[in-house]
N, C-alpha and C. Protein backbone atom coordinates (compact mmCIF):
# COMPACT_ATOMS: atom_id res chain seq x y z
N UNK A 1 0.69 -1.99 10.49
CA UNK A 1 0.11 -0.79 9.90
C UNK A 1 -1.17 -1.15 9.16
N UNK A 2 -2.14 -0.26 9.25
CA UNK A 2 -3.42 -0.49 8.60
C UNK A 2 -3.31 -0.25 7.10
N UNK A 3 -4.16 -0.94 6.34
CA UNK A 3 -4.35 -0.60 4.93
C UNK A 3 -5.39 0.50 4.88
N UNK A 4 -5.06 1.61 4.27
CA UNK A 4 -5.99 2.73 4.20
C UNK A 4 -6.37 3.00 2.76
N UNK A 5 -7.43 3.77 2.59
CA UNK A 5 -7.87 4.18 1.26
C UNK A 5 -8.11 5.67 1.26
N UNK A 6 -7.52 6.35 0.30
CA UNK A 6 -7.77 7.78 0.13
C UNK A 6 -8.14 8.04 -1.32
N UNK A 7 -8.88 9.09 -1.52
CA UNK A 7 -9.42 9.37 -2.85
C UNK A 7 -8.46 10.21 -3.68
N UNK A 8 -8.71 10.20 -4.97
CA UNK A 8 -7.95 11.04 -5.91
C UNK A 8 -8.03 12.50 -5.50
N UNK A 9 -9.21 12.94 -5.07
CA UNK A 9 -9.38 14.34 -4.68
C UNK A 9 -8.53 14.68 -3.45
N UNK A 10 -8.47 13.77 -2.49
CA UNK A 10 -7.62 14.00 -1.32
C UNK A 10 -6.16 14.09 -1.72
N UNK A 11 -5.72 13.21 -2.59
CA UNK A 11 -4.33 13.24 -3.05
C UNK A 11 -4.02 14.57 -3.73
N UNK A 12 -4.88 15.01 -4.63
CA UNK A 12 -4.61 16.25 -5.35
C UNK A 12 -4.48 17.43 -4.38
N UNK A 13 -5.34 17.47 -3.35
CA UNK A 13 -5.27 18.55 -2.37
C UNK A 13 -4.04 18.41 -1.48
N UNK A 14 -3.74 17.21 -1.03
CA UNK A 14 -2.62 16.99 -0.11
C UNK A 14 -1.27 17.19 -0.80
N UNK A 15 -1.18 16.84 -2.09
CA UNK A 15 0.08 16.93 -2.81
C UNK A 15 0.15 18.14 -3.75
N UNK A 16 -0.85 19.01 -3.64
CA UNK A 16 -0.87 20.25 -4.44
C UNK A 16 -0.74 19.94 -5.94
N UNK A 17 -1.61 19.03 -6.42
CA UNK A 17 -1.60 18.61 -7.82
C UNK A 17 -2.80 19.19 -8.55
N UNK A 18 -2.59 19.57 -9.80
CA UNK A 18 -3.67 20.00 -10.68
C UNK A 18 -4.20 18.76 -11.40
N UNK A 19 -5.44 18.35 -11.14
CA UNK A 19 -5.94 17.11 -11.76
C UNK A 19 -6.00 17.17 -13.28
N UNK A 20 -5.99 18.36 -13.83
CA UNK A 20 -6.01 18.50 -15.28
C UNK A 20 -4.63 18.56 -15.91
N UNK A 21 -3.58 18.57 -15.08
CA UNK A 21 -2.21 18.67 -15.60
C UNK A 21 -1.28 17.77 -14.81
N UNK A 22 -1.58 16.51 -14.81
CA UNK A 22 -0.77 15.55 -14.07
C UNK A 22 0.51 15.22 -14.83
N UNK A 23 1.58 14.89 -14.13
CA UNK A 23 2.80 14.41 -14.81
C UNK A 23 2.49 13.14 -15.61
N UNK A 24 3.33 12.87 -16.59
CA UNK A 24 3.07 11.73 -17.49
C UNK A 24 3.26 10.39 -16.80
N UNK A 25 4.27 10.28 -15.92
CA UNK A 25 4.60 9.00 -15.28
C UNK A 25 4.57 9.20 -13.77
N UNK A 26 3.64 8.49 -13.10
CA UNK A 26 3.42 8.72 -11.67
C UNK A 26 3.54 7.41 -10.91
N UNK A 27 4.19 7.49 -9.74
CA UNK A 27 4.26 6.36 -8.82
C UNK A 27 3.57 6.73 -7.52
N UNK A 28 2.65 5.88 -7.08
CA UNK A 28 2.05 6.01 -5.75
C UNK A 28 2.67 4.91 -4.89
N UNK A 29 3.48 5.30 -3.93
CA UNK A 29 4.26 4.35 -3.14
C UNK A 29 3.65 4.19 -1.76
N UNK A 30 3.37 2.94 -1.39
CA UNK A 30 2.61 2.68 -0.17
C UNK A 30 1.16 3.07 -0.40
N UNK A 31 0.64 2.66 -1.55
CA UNK A 31 -0.65 3.17 -2.03
C UNK A 31 -1.85 2.61 -1.30
N UNK A 32 -1.71 1.43 -0.69
CA UNK A 32 -2.87 0.85 -0.05
C UNK A 32 -4.01 0.67 -1.02
N UNK A 33 -5.20 1.08 -0.60
CA UNK A 33 -6.39 0.97 -1.46
C UNK A 33 -6.83 2.32 -1.99
N UNK A 34 -5.86 3.22 -2.19
CA UNK A 34 -6.18 4.51 -2.80
C UNK A 34 -6.62 4.33 -4.25
N UNK A 35 -7.53 5.19 -4.70
CA UNK A 35 -7.94 5.14 -6.11
C UNK A 35 -7.13 6.12 -6.96
N UNK A 36 -6.02 6.66 -6.41
CA UNK A 36 -5.26 7.67 -7.13
C UNK A 36 -4.71 7.15 -8.45
N UNK A 37 -4.09 5.98 -8.45
CA UNK A 37 -3.52 5.44 -9.69
C UNK A 37 -4.62 5.20 -10.72
N UNK A 38 -5.74 4.67 -10.29
CA UNK A 38 -6.84 4.40 -11.22
C UNK A 38 -7.35 5.68 -11.84
N UNK A 39 -7.54 6.71 -11.03
CA UNK A 39 -8.08 7.97 -11.54
C UNK A 39 -7.05 8.73 -12.37
N UNK A 40 -5.77 8.65 -11.97
CA UNK A 40 -4.73 9.29 -12.78
C UNK A 40 -4.64 8.64 -14.14
N UNK A 41 -4.75 7.31 -14.19
CA UNK A 41 -4.72 6.60 -15.47
C UNK A 41 -5.89 7.01 -16.36
N UNK A 42 -7.03 7.21 -15.78
CA UNK A 42 -8.20 7.66 -16.55
C UNK A 42 -7.95 9.02 -17.18
N UNK A 43 -7.06 9.80 -16.57
CA UNK A 43 -6.74 11.14 -17.08
C UNK A 43 -5.52 11.12 -17.98
N UNK A 44 -5.05 9.95 -18.35
CA UNK A 44 -3.99 9.84 -19.34
C UNK A 44 -2.60 9.61 -18.81
N UNK A 45 -2.43 9.56 -17.49
CA UNK A 45 -1.09 9.34 -16.93
C UNK A 45 -0.76 7.84 -16.95
N UNK A 46 0.52 7.54 -17.05
CA UNK A 46 1.00 6.17 -16.85
C UNK A 46 1.26 6.03 -15.35
N UNK A 47 0.29 5.45 -14.64
CA UNK A 47 0.33 5.42 -13.18
C UNK A 47 0.62 4.01 -12.68
N UNK A 48 1.48 3.93 -11.67
CA UNK A 48 1.82 2.66 -11.03
C UNK A 48 1.63 2.83 -9.53
N UNK A 49 1.04 1.82 -8.90
CA UNK A 49 0.89 1.82 -7.44
C UNK A 49 1.66 0.64 -6.87
N UNK A 50 2.39 0.87 -5.78
CA UNK A 50 3.10 -0.22 -5.12
C UNK A 50 2.69 -0.28 -3.66
N UNK A 51 2.62 -1.51 -3.15
CA UNK A 51 2.31 -1.73 -1.75
C UNK A 51 2.67 -3.18 -1.43
N UNK A 52 3.23 -3.45 -0.25
CA UNK A 52 3.60 -4.84 0.05
C UNK A 52 2.41 -5.78 0.18
N UNK A 53 1.20 -5.22 0.34
CA UNK A 53 0.01 -6.07 0.50
C UNK A 53 -0.57 -6.53 -0.82
N UNK A 54 -0.10 -6.02 -1.95
CA UNK A 54 -0.60 -6.47 -3.24
C UNK A 54 -0.08 -7.88 -3.54
N UNK A 55 -0.75 -8.54 -4.45
CA UNK A 55 -0.29 -9.85 -4.88
C UNK A 55 -1.44 -10.80 -5.08
N UNK A 56 -1.17 -11.99 -5.65
CA UNK A 56 -2.23 -12.98 -5.92
C UNK A 56 -3.00 -13.33 -4.66
N UNK A 57 -4.31 -13.30 -4.77
CA UNK A 57 -5.17 -13.69 -3.66
C UNK A 57 -5.37 -12.64 -2.60
N UNK A 58 -4.72 -11.49 -2.73
CA UNK A 58 -4.84 -10.45 -1.70
C UNK A 58 -6.15 -9.67 -1.90
N UNK A 59 -6.96 -9.61 -0.88
CA UNK A 59 -8.19 -8.81 -0.92
C UNK A 59 -7.90 -7.48 -0.24
N UNK A 60 -7.20 -6.60 -0.96
CA UNK A 60 -6.77 -5.34 -0.38
C UNK A 60 -7.97 -4.45 -0.06
N UNK A 61 -9.01 -4.54 -0.88
CA UNK A 61 -10.21 -3.77 -0.62
C UNK A 61 -10.82 -4.11 0.73
N UNK A 62 -10.90 -5.40 1.05
CA UNK A 62 -11.46 -5.81 2.34
C UNK A 62 -10.55 -5.40 3.48
N UNK A 63 -9.23 -5.48 3.28
CA UNK A 63 -8.30 -5.00 4.30
C UNK A 63 -8.50 -3.51 4.55
N UNK A 64 -8.77 -2.76 3.47
CA UNK A 64 -8.99 -1.32 3.62
C UNK A 64 -10.29 -1.03 4.35
N UNK A 65 -11.31 -1.84 4.11
CA UNK A 65 -12.57 -1.64 4.83
C UNK A 65 -12.37 -1.86 6.33
N UNK A 66 -11.59 -2.89 6.67
CA UNK A 66 -11.27 -3.12 8.08
C UNK A 66 -10.44 -1.97 8.63
N UNK A 67 -9.49 -1.48 7.83
CA UNK A 67 -8.68 -0.35 8.25
C UNK A 67 -9.51 0.91 8.43
N UNK A 68 -10.52 1.07 7.58
CA UNK A 68 -11.41 2.21 7.70
C UNK A 68 -12.14 2.20 9.04
N UNK A 69 -12.59 1.01 9.43
CA UNK A 69 -13.30 0.91 10.70
C UNK A 69 -12.36 1.21 11.87
N UNK A 70 -11.16 0.64 11.83
CA UNK A 70 -10.20 0.89 12.90
C UNK A 70 -9.79 2.36 12.95
N UNK A 71 -9.60 2.94 11.77
CA UNK A 71 -9.22 4.34 11.70
C UNK A 71 -10.30 5.25 12.26
N UNK A 72 -11.56 4.93 11.97
CA UNK A 72 -12.67 5.72 12.49
C UNK A 72 -12.71 5.67 14.01
N UNK A 73 -12.44 4.49 14.58
CA UNK A 73 -12.40 4.35 16.03
C UNK A 73 -11.26 5.17 16.63
N UNK A 74 -10.09 5.14 15.97
CA UNK A 74 -8.95 5.91 16.46
C UNK A 74 -9.25 7.40 16.42
N UNK A 75 -9.87 7.86 15.33
CA UNK A 75 -10.20 9.28 15.20
C UNK A 75 -11.19 9.70 16.28
N UNK A 76 -12.16 8.85 16.54
CA UNK A 76 -13.16 9.17 17.57
C UNK A 76 -12.52 9.32 18.94
N UNK A 77 -11.46 8.56 19.21
CA UNK A 77 -10.81 8.64 20.51
C UNK A 77 -9.84 9.82 20.61
N UNK A 78 -9.57 10.48 19.48
CA UNK A 78 -8.72 11.67 19.45
C UNK A 78 -9.44 12.79 18.67
N UNK A 79 -10.73 12.95 18.95
CA UNK A 79 -11.57 13.82 18.12
C UNK A 79 -11.07 15.27 18.09
N UNK A 80 -10.47 15.72 19.18
CA UNK A 80 -10.03 17.12 19.23
C UNK A 80 -8.83 17.38 18.32
N UNK A 81 -8.21 16.33 17.78
CA UNK A 81 -7.02 16.50 16.95
C UNK A 81 -7.32 16.45 15.46
N UNK A 82 -8.60 16.43 15.10
CA UNK A 82 -9.00 16.34 13.70
C UNK A 82 -10.02 17.41 13.36
N UNK A 83 -10.05 17.79 12.08
CA UNK A 83 -11.02 18.76 11.59
C UNK A 83 -11.63 18.25 10.29
N UNK A 84 -12.93 18.47 10.13
CA UNK A 84 -13.62 18.03 8.92
C UNK A 84 -13.90 19.19 7.98
N UNK A 85 -13.19 20.31 8.16
CA UNK A 85 -13.46 21.50 7.36
C UNK A 85 -13.28 21.22 5.87
N UNK A 86 -12.23 20.49 5.50
CA UNK A 86 -12.00 20.23 4.07
C UNK A 86 -13.09 19.33 3.50
N UNK A 87 -13.53 18.35 4.25
CA UNK A 87 -14.55 17.40 3.78
C UNK A 87 -15.97 17.98 3.84
N UNK A 88 -16.22 18.78 4.84
CA UNK A 88 -17.57 19.29 5.05
C UNK A 88 -18.29 18.62 6.21
N UNK A 89 -18.06 17.33 6.39
CA UNK A 89 -18.69 16.59 7.48
C UNK A 89 -18.04 15.21 7.59
N UNK A 90 -18.20 14.55 8.75
CA UNK A 90 -17.71 13.18 8.86
C UNK A 90 -18.37 12.24 7.85
N UNK A 91 -19.64 12.48 7.57
CA UNK A 91 -20.35 11.64 6.61
C UNK A 91 -19.78 11.79 5.20
N UNK A 92 -19.43 13.02 4.84
CA UNK A 92 -18.86 13.26 3.51
C UNK A 92 -17.50 12.58 3.38
N UNK A 93 -16.72 12.61 4.46
CA UNK A 93 -15.42 11.92 4.42
C UNK A 93 -15.62 10.42 4.25
N UNK A 94 -16.53 9.85 5.02
CA UNK A 94 -16.78 8.40 4.94
C UNK A 94 -17.25 8.02 3.54
N UNK A 95 -18.10 8.82 2.95
CA UNK A 95 -18.60 8.53 1.60
C UNK A 95 -17.47 8.59 0.57
N UNK A 96 -16.60 9.58 0.72
CA UNK A 96 -15.46 9.72 -0.20
C UNK A 96 -14.53 8.52 -0.08
N UNK A 97 -14.24 8.10 1.15
CA UNK A 97 -13.33 6.98 1.36
C UNK A 97 -13.96 5.67 0.87
N UNK A 98 -15.23 5.47 1.14
CA UNK A 98 -15.90 4.25 0.68
C UNK A 98 -15.89 4.18 -0.85
N UNK A 99 -16.13 5.31 -1.50
CA UNK A 99 -16.09 5.33 -2.96
C UNK A 99 -14.71 5.03 -3.50
N UNK A 100 -13.69 5.54 -2.82
CA UNK A 100 -12.31 5.28 -3.26
C UNK A 100 -11.98 3.80 -3.16
N UNK A 101 -12.44 3.14 -2.10
CA UNK A 101 -12.19 1.70 -1.96
C UNK A 101 -12.83 0.93 -3.11
N UNK A 102 -14.05 1.27 -3.45
CA UNK A 102 -14.75 0.56 -4.52
C UNK A 102 -14.07 0.79 -5.87
N UNK A 103 -13.65 2.02 -6.14
CA UNK A 103 -12.97 2.30 -7.40
C UNK A 103 -11.62 1.60 -7.45
N UNK A 104 -10.90 1.59 -6.32
CA UNK A 104 -9.64 0.85 -6.26
C UNK A 104 -9.88 -0.63 -6.54
N UNK A 105 -10.85 -1.23 -5.86
CA UNK A 105 -11.08 -2.67 -5.98
C UNK A 105 -11.40 -3.05 -7.42
N UNK A 106 -12.18 -2.22 -8.10
CA UNK A 106 -12.51 -2.49 -9.50
C UNK A 106 -11.27 -2.41 -10.37
N UNK A 107 -10.46 -1.38 -10.17
CA UNK A 107 -9.27 -1.20 -11.00
C UNK A 107 -8.22 -2.26 -10.69
N UNK A 108 -8.10 -2.62 -9.43
CA UNK A 108 -7.14 -3.66 -9.02
C UNK A 108 -7.48 -5.00 -9.69
N UNK A 109 -8.77 -5.23 -9.85
CA UNK A 109 -9.22 -6.48 -10.49
C UNK A 109 -9.07 -6.43 -12.01
N UNK A 110 -9.36 -5.29 -12.61
CA UNK A 110 -9.37 -5.20 -14.07
C UNK A 110 -8.04 -4.77 -14.67
N UNK A 111 -7.18 -4.12 -13.87
CA UNK A 111 -5.86 -3.68 -14.35
C UNK A 111 -4.78 -4.08 -13.35
N UNK A 112 -4.59 -5.38 -13.13
CA UNK A 112 -3.63 -5.83 -12.12
C UNK A 112 -2.19 -5.41 -12.43
N UNK A 113 -1.90 -5.14 -13.69
CA UNK A 113 -0.56 -4.72 -14.08
C UNK A 113 -0.19 -3.36 -13.50
N UNK A 114 -1.20 -2.60 -13.05
CA UNK A 114 -0.95 -1.28 -12.49
C UNK A 114 -0.50 -1.37 -11.03
N UNK A 115 -0.61 -2.54 -10.42
CA UNK A 115 -0.39 -2.69 -8.98
C UNK A 115 0.71 -3.72 -8.73
N UNK A 116 1.75 -3.31 -8.03
CA UNK A 116 2.94 -4.14 -7.86
C UNK A 116 3.26 -4.29 -6.37
N UNK A 117 3.52 -5.52 -5.96
CA UNK A 117 3.91 -5.78 -4.57
C UNK A 117 5.37 -5.37 -4.39
N UNK A 118 5.60 -4.30 -3.66
CA UNK A 118 6.95 -3.80 -3.40
C UNK A 118 6.86 -2.84 -2.22
N UNK A 119 8.01 -2.57 -1.61
CA UNK A 119 7.99 -1.64 -0.48
C UNK A 119 9.35 -0.97 -0.32
N UNK A 120 9.32 0.19 0.27
CA UNK A 120 10.53 0.92 0.60
C UNK A 120 11.29 0.19 1.71
N UNK A 121 12.62 0.32 1.72
CA UNK A 121 13.43 1.24 0.94
C UNK A 121 14.07 0.65 -0.32
N UNK A 122 13.46 -0.36 -0.93
CA UNK A 122 14.01 -0.96 -2.15
C UNK A 122 12.89 -1.15 -3.16
N UNK A 123 12.95 -0.43 -4.27
CA UNK A 123 11.91 -0.48 -5.28
C UNK A 123 12.47 -1.06 -6.59
N UNK A 124 11.69 -1.88 -7.29
CA UNK A 124 12.18 -2.58 -8.48
C UNK A 124 12.03 -1.77 -9.77
N UNK A 125 12.54 -0.54 -9.75
CA UNK A 125 12.43 0.33 -10.92
C UNK A 125 13.80 0.90 -11.28
N UNK A 126 14.02 1.20 -12.54
CA UNK A 126 15.29 1.85 -12.92
C UNK A 126 15.30 3.31 -12.49
N UNK A 127 16.46 3.91 -12.58
CA UNK A 127 16.60 5.33 -12.25
C UNK A 127 15.67 6.16 -13.14
N UNK A 128 15.06 7.17 -12.50
CA UNK A 128 14.21 8.13 -13.22
C UNK A 128 13.09 7.46 -14.02
N UNK A 129 12.52 6.42 -13.46
CA UNK A 129 11.41 5.74 -14.14
C UNK A 129 10.14 6.58 -14.10
N UNK A 130 10.06 7.54 -13.16
CA UNK A 130 8.85 8.32 -12.98
C UNK A 130 9.16 9.81 -12.94
N UNK A 131 8.20 10.59 -13.37
CA UNK A 131 8.32 12.05 -13.25
C UNK A 131 7.98 12.49 -11.83
N UNK A 132 7.06 11.78 -11.20
CA UNK A 132 6.62 12.14 -9.86
C UNK A 132 6.33 10.88 -9.05
N UNK A 133 6.81 10.84 -7.81
CA UNK A 133 6.41 9.81 -6.85
C UNK A 133 5.74 10.50 -5.68
N UNK A 134 4.61 9.98 -5.26
CA UNK A 134 3.92 10.50 -4.08
C UNK A 134 3.83 9.39 -3.04
N UNK A 135 3.87 9.78 -1.79
CA UNK A 135 3.79 8.81 -0.69
C UNK A 135 2.95 9.44 0.41
N UNK A 136 1.81 8.83 0.68
CA UNK A 136 0.84 9.37 1.63
C UNK A 136 0.80 8.55 2.91
N UNK A 137 0.99 9.24 4.04
CA UNK A 137 0.77 8.64 5.36
C UNK A 137 1.60 7.37 5.59
N UNK A 138 2.85 7.42 5.17
CA UNK A 138 3.80 6.35 5.49
C UNK A 138 5.04 6.97 6.10
N UNK A 139 5.84 7.66 5.30
CA UNK A 139 6.97 8.38 5.87
C UNK A 139 6.45 9.45 6.82
N UNK A 140 7.15 9.62 7.94
CA UNK A 140 6.85 10.58 8.99
C UNK A 140 5.62 10.19 9.81
N UNK A 141 4.54 9.76 9.18
CA UNK A 141 3.36 9.33 9.93
C UNK A 141 3.73 8.25 10.94
N UNK A 142 4.58 7.30 10.51
CA UNK A 142 4.96 6.16 11.34
C UNK A 142 6.40 6.29 11.84
N UNK A 143 6.83 7.51 12.11
CA UNK A 143 8.23 7.75 12.48
C UNK A 143 8.60 7.12 13.81
N UNK A 144 7.63 6.85 14.67
CA UNK A 144 7.96 6.19 15.92
C UNK A 144 8.31 4.72 15.71
N UNK A 145 7.84 4.15 14.59
CA UNK A 145 8.15 2.75 14.26
C UNK A 145 9.28 2.65 13.23
N UNK A 146 9.33 3.60 12.32
CA UNK A 146 10.33 3.61 11.25
C UNK A 146 11.24 4.82 11.50
N UNK A 147 12.43 4.57 11.96
CA UNK A 147 13.30 5.64 12.42
C UNK A 147 13.97 6.44 11.32
N UNK A 148 14.87 7.33 11.73
CA UNK A 148 15.53 8.22 10.77
C UNK A 148 16.35 7.47 9.72
N UNK A 149 17.12 6.42 10.07
CA UNK A 149 17.87 5.72 9.02
C UNK A 149 16.96 5.15 7.93
N UNK A 150 15.83 4.56 8.33
CA UNK A 150 14.89 4.04 7.34
C UNK A 150 14.36 5.16 6.46
N UNK A 151 14.00 6.29 7.06
CA UNK A 151 13.48 7.42 6.27
C UNK A 151 14.54 7.93 5.29
N UNK A 152 15.78 8.01 5.75
CA UNK A 152 16.86 8.47 4.88
C UNK A 152 17.00 7.54 3.67
N UNK A 153 17.03 6.24 3.91
CA UNK A 153 17.17 5.28 2.81
C UNK A 153 15.95 5.31 1.89
N UNK A 154 14.75 5.44 2.48
CA UNK A 154 13.52 5.46 1.68
C UNK A 154 13.49 6.67 0.76
N UNK A 155 13.89 7.82 1.26
CA UNK A 155 13.88 9.03 0.43
C UNK A 155 14.95 8.96 -0.65
N UNK A 156 16.12 8.43 -0.32
CA UNK A 156 17.14 8.25 -1.36
C UNK A 156 16.61 7.36 -2.48
N UNK A 157 15.87 6.32 -2.12
CA UNK A 157 15.32 5.42 -3.14
C UNK A 157 14.24 6.11 -3.96
N UNK A 158 13.37 6.86 -3.32
CA UNK A 158 12.32 7.56 -4.06
C UNK A 158 12.91 8.59 -5.01
N UNK A 159 13.94 9.31 -4.57
CA UNK A 159 14.55 10.30 -5.45
C UNK A 159 15.43 9.66 -6.51
N UNK A 160 15.73 8.38 -6.35
CA UNK A 160 16.41 7.65 -7.43
C UNK A 160 15.45 7.31 -8.55
N UNK A 161 14.25 6.84 -8.20
CA UNK A 161 13.33 6.35 -9.22
C UNK A 161 12.44 7.45 -9.79
N UNK A 162 12.39 8.62 -9.14
CA UNK A 162 11.51 9.70 -9.61
C UNK A 162 12.24 11.03 -9.62
N UNK A 163 11.94 11.83 -10.61
CA UNK A 163 12.54 13.16 -10.71
C UNK A 163 12.11 14.05 -9.55
N UNK A 164 10.84 13.92 -9.17
CA UNK A 164 10.29 14.71 -8.07
C UNK A 164 9.53 13.78 -7.11
N UNK A 165 9.62 14.08 -5.83
CA UNK A 165 8.96 13.29 -4.80
C UNK A 165 8.16 14.23 -3.90
N UNK A 166 6.94 13.82 -3.57
CA UNK A 166 6.12 14.60 -2.63
C UNK A 166 5.62 13.67 -1.53
N UNK A 167 5.84 14.10 -0.27
CA UNK A 167 5.50 13.31 0.91
C UNK A 167 4.50 14.09 1.77
N UNK A 168 3.47 13.40 2.24
CA UNK A 168 2.46 14.02 3.10
C UNK A 168 1.92 12.98 4.06
N UNK A 169 1.66 13.37 5.31
CA UNK A 169 1.94 14.63 5.99
C UNK A 169 3.31 14.57 6.66
N UNK A 170 3.62 15.60 7.45
CA UNK A 170 4.93 15.71 8.08
C UNK A 170 4.82 15.64 9.60
N UNK A 171 3.79 14.96 10.11
CA UNK A 171 3.58 14.83 11.55
C UNK A 171 3.32 13.38 11.90
N UNK A 172 3.36 13.07 13.19
CA UNK A 172 3.11 11.72 13.66
C UNK A 172 1.63 11.39 13.63
N UNK A 173 1.33 10.12 13.41
CA UNK A 173 -0.06 9.68 13.41
C UNK A 173 -0.68 9.86 14.80
N UNK A 174 -1.98 9.99 14.83
CA UNK A 174 -2.80 10.17 16.03
C UNK A 174 -2.55 11.52 16.70
N UNK A 175 -1.35 11.74 17.20
CA UNK A 175 -1.10 12.95 17.99
C UNK A 175 -0.91 14.20 17.15
N UNK A 176 -0.41 14.03 15.91
CA UNK A 176 -0.09 15.19 15.09
C UNK A 176 1.15 15.93 15.55
N UNK A 177 1.95 15.30 16.41
CA UNK A 177 3.16 15.94 16.94
C UNK A 177 4.23 16.03 15.85
N UNK A 178 5.13 17.01 15.96
CA UNK A 178 6.23 17.11 14.99
C UNK A 178 7.13 15.88 15.02
N UNK A 179 7.75 15.58 13.89
CA UNK A 179 8.70 14.48 13.80
C UNK A 179 10.05 14.98 14.29
N UNK A 180 10.59 14.44 15.38
CA UNK A 180 11.79 15.02 15.99
C UNK A 180 12.99 15.10 15.06
N UNK A 181 13.15 14.10 14.19
CA UNK A 181 14.36 14.07 13.36
C UNK A 181 14.19 14.73 12.00
N UNK A 182 13.03 15.32 11.71
CA UNK A 182 12.80 15.87 10.37
C UNK A 182 13.82 16.96 10.00
N UNK A 183 14.09 17.96 10.85
CA UNK A 183 15.07 18.99 10.44
C UNK A 183 16.45 18.42 10.15
N UNK A 184 16.91 17.49 10.99
CA UNK A 184 18.22 16.88 10.77
C UNK A 184 18.23 16.08 9.48
N UNK A 185 17.16 15.35 9.22
CA UNK A 185 17.08 14.55 8.01
C UNK A 185 17.11 15.43 6.77
N UNK A 186 16.38 16.53 6.78
CA UNK A 186 16.38 17.45 5.65
C UNK A 186 17.79 18.00 5.40
N UNK A 187 18.50 18.32 6.47
CA UNK A 187 19.88 18.81 6.31
C UNK A 187 20.76 17.74 5.67
N UNK A 188 20.61 16.49 6.07
CA UNK A 188 21.39 15.40 5.49
C UNK A 188 21.08 15.22 4.01
N UNK A 189 19.81 15.33 3.67
CA UNK A 189 19.41 15.17 2.27
C UNK A 189 19.97 16.30 1.41
N UNK A 190 19.90 17.52 1.92
CA UNK A 190 20.44 18.65 1.16
C UNK A 190 21.94 18.50 0.97
N UNK A 191 22.63 18.00 1.98
CA UNK A 191 24.07 17.77 1.87
C UNK A 191 24.38 16.71 0.82
N UNK A 192 23.42 15.81 0.57
CA UNK A 192 23.60 14.76 -0.44
C UNK A 192 23.13 15.21 -1.82
N UNK A 193 22.77 16.49 -1.95
CA UNK A 193 22.39 17.02 -3.26
C UNK A 193 20.90 16.93 -3.58
N UNK A 194 20.09 16.68 -2.57
CA UNK A 194 18.64 16.57 -2.78
C UNK A 194 17.98 17.84 -2.25
N UNK A 195 17.34 18.58 -3.13
CA UNK A 195 16.61 19.78 -2.72
C UNK A 195 15.37 19.37 -1.94
N UNK A 196 15.02 20.15 -0.92
CA UNK A 196 13.86 19.85 -0.08
C UNK A 196 13.11 21.14 0.22
N UNK A 197 11.81 21.11 0.01
CA UNK A 197 10.98 22.29 0.21
C UNK A 197 9.70 21.88 0.93
N UNK A 198 9.42 22.53 2.05
CA UNK A 198 8.15 22.35 2.73
C UNK A 198 7.13 23.28 2.09
N UNK A 199 5.95 22.73 1.80
CA UNK A 199 4.91 23.53 1.15
C UNK A 199 3.58 23.32 1.86
N UNK A 200 2.91 24.42 2.22
CA UNK A 200 1.58 24.36 2.81
C UNK A 200 0.57 24.06 1.72
N UNK A 201 -0.36 23.14 2.01
CA UNK A 201 -1.34 22.70 1.01
C UNK A 201 -2.75 22.98 1.50
N UNK A 202 -3.72 22.77 0.63
CA UNK A 202 -5.11 23.09 0.95
C UNK A 202 -5.75 22.05 1.87
N UNK A 203 -5.18 20.84 1.90
CA UNK A 203 -5.80 19.74 2.65
C UNK A 203 -5.34 19.73 4.09
N UNK A 204 -6.28 19.52 5.01
CA UNK A 204 -5.96 19.31 6.42
C UNK A 204 -7.04 18.44 7.04
N UNK A 205 -6.62 17.36 7.67
CA UNK A 205 -7.53 16.51 8.45
C UNK A 205 -7.03 16.43 9.89
N UNK A 206 -5.81 15.92 10.08
CA UNK A 206 -5.18 16.11 11.38
C UNK A 206 -4.90 17.59 11.55
N UNK A 207 -5.25 18.13 12.69
CA UNK A 207 -5.01 19.56 12.90
C UNK A 207 -3.51 19.85 12.84
N UNK A 208 -3.15 20.84 12.04
CA UNK A 208 -1.76 21.22 11.87
C UNK A 208 -1.01 20.42 10.83
N UNK A 209 -1.64 19.37 10.29
CA UNK A 209 -0.99 18.54 9.27
C UNK A 209 -1.40 19.05 7.89
N UNK A 210 -0.85 20.17 7.51
CA UNK A 210 -1.21 20.79 6.24
C UNK A 210 0.02 21.17 5.42
N UNK A 211 1.09 20.40 5.61
CA UNK A 211 2.30 20.63 4.82
C UNK A 211 2.79 19.33 4.22
N UNK A 212 3.35 19.45 3.03
CA UNK A 212 4.03 18.32 2.39
C UNK A 212 5.49 18.68 2.22
N UNK A 213 6.30 17.66 1.93
CA UNK A 213 7.71 17.85 1.63
C UNK A 213 7.94 17.51 0.17
N UNK A 214 8.47 18.46 -0.58
CA UNK A 214 8.77 18.28 -1.99
C UNK A 214 10.27 18.10 -2.13
N UNK A 215 10.70 17.03 -2.82
CA UNK A 215 12.12 16.67 -2.89
C UNK A 215 12.51 16.32 -4.31
N UNK A 216 13.81 16.48 -4.60
CA UNK A 216 14.33 16.06 -5.90
C UNK A 216 15.76 16.49 -6.08
N UNK A 217 16.44 15.82 -6.98
CA UNK A 217 17.82 16.16 -7.25
C UNK A 217 17.97 17.26 -8.28
N UNK A 218 16.89 17.60 -8.97
CA UNK A 218 16.99 18.62 -10.02
C UNK A 218 15.86 19.62 -9.93
N UNK A 219 15.37 19.90 -8.74
CA UNK A 219 14.29 20.86 -8.57
C UNK A 219 14.80 22.28 -8.73
């Protein structure tokens, strides 16, 4: 899987967050080189980012730059499946992503305590350590590689460590096709006492990928 970088603005749109009213304790899981944790911390939140690529000597920013190039090539080969309406233009998207990488790299260097090497489905946090956990372009995006059992365990873990969980998007990478096991998985989660709500959001890049899944045991 590529290391990607997304901006704070993209996260707020994709996860339907008000940048002026963020939860106090936030986890970005599978964060890659996103600047979300850095920008959330600047706004007063206690933000933590986890990704298996973090750690001593890891140049995550450079990995994200390589991922950006690969991602751009993939998008070009599936151009009909993407829209730049939210960004305004391909150039505006590239500028936003490049800026996010630079802000991430600076924060990763100056606040290493904010970034922890960890990965689903096992996270090193106590129960209810966070008010909100967000996960961008990992669950469901890679459903052809990470099957339903992994998704079930990953969501149980996220809802253990966070009161509320938001996942985006709900389609497969590249094609934007529906995730075959999503309805069955949601039924299993509800049977286990986890509320699940699909919500349409303002952000769309993959055509049709404009919904997130909001989950929690006390929603």
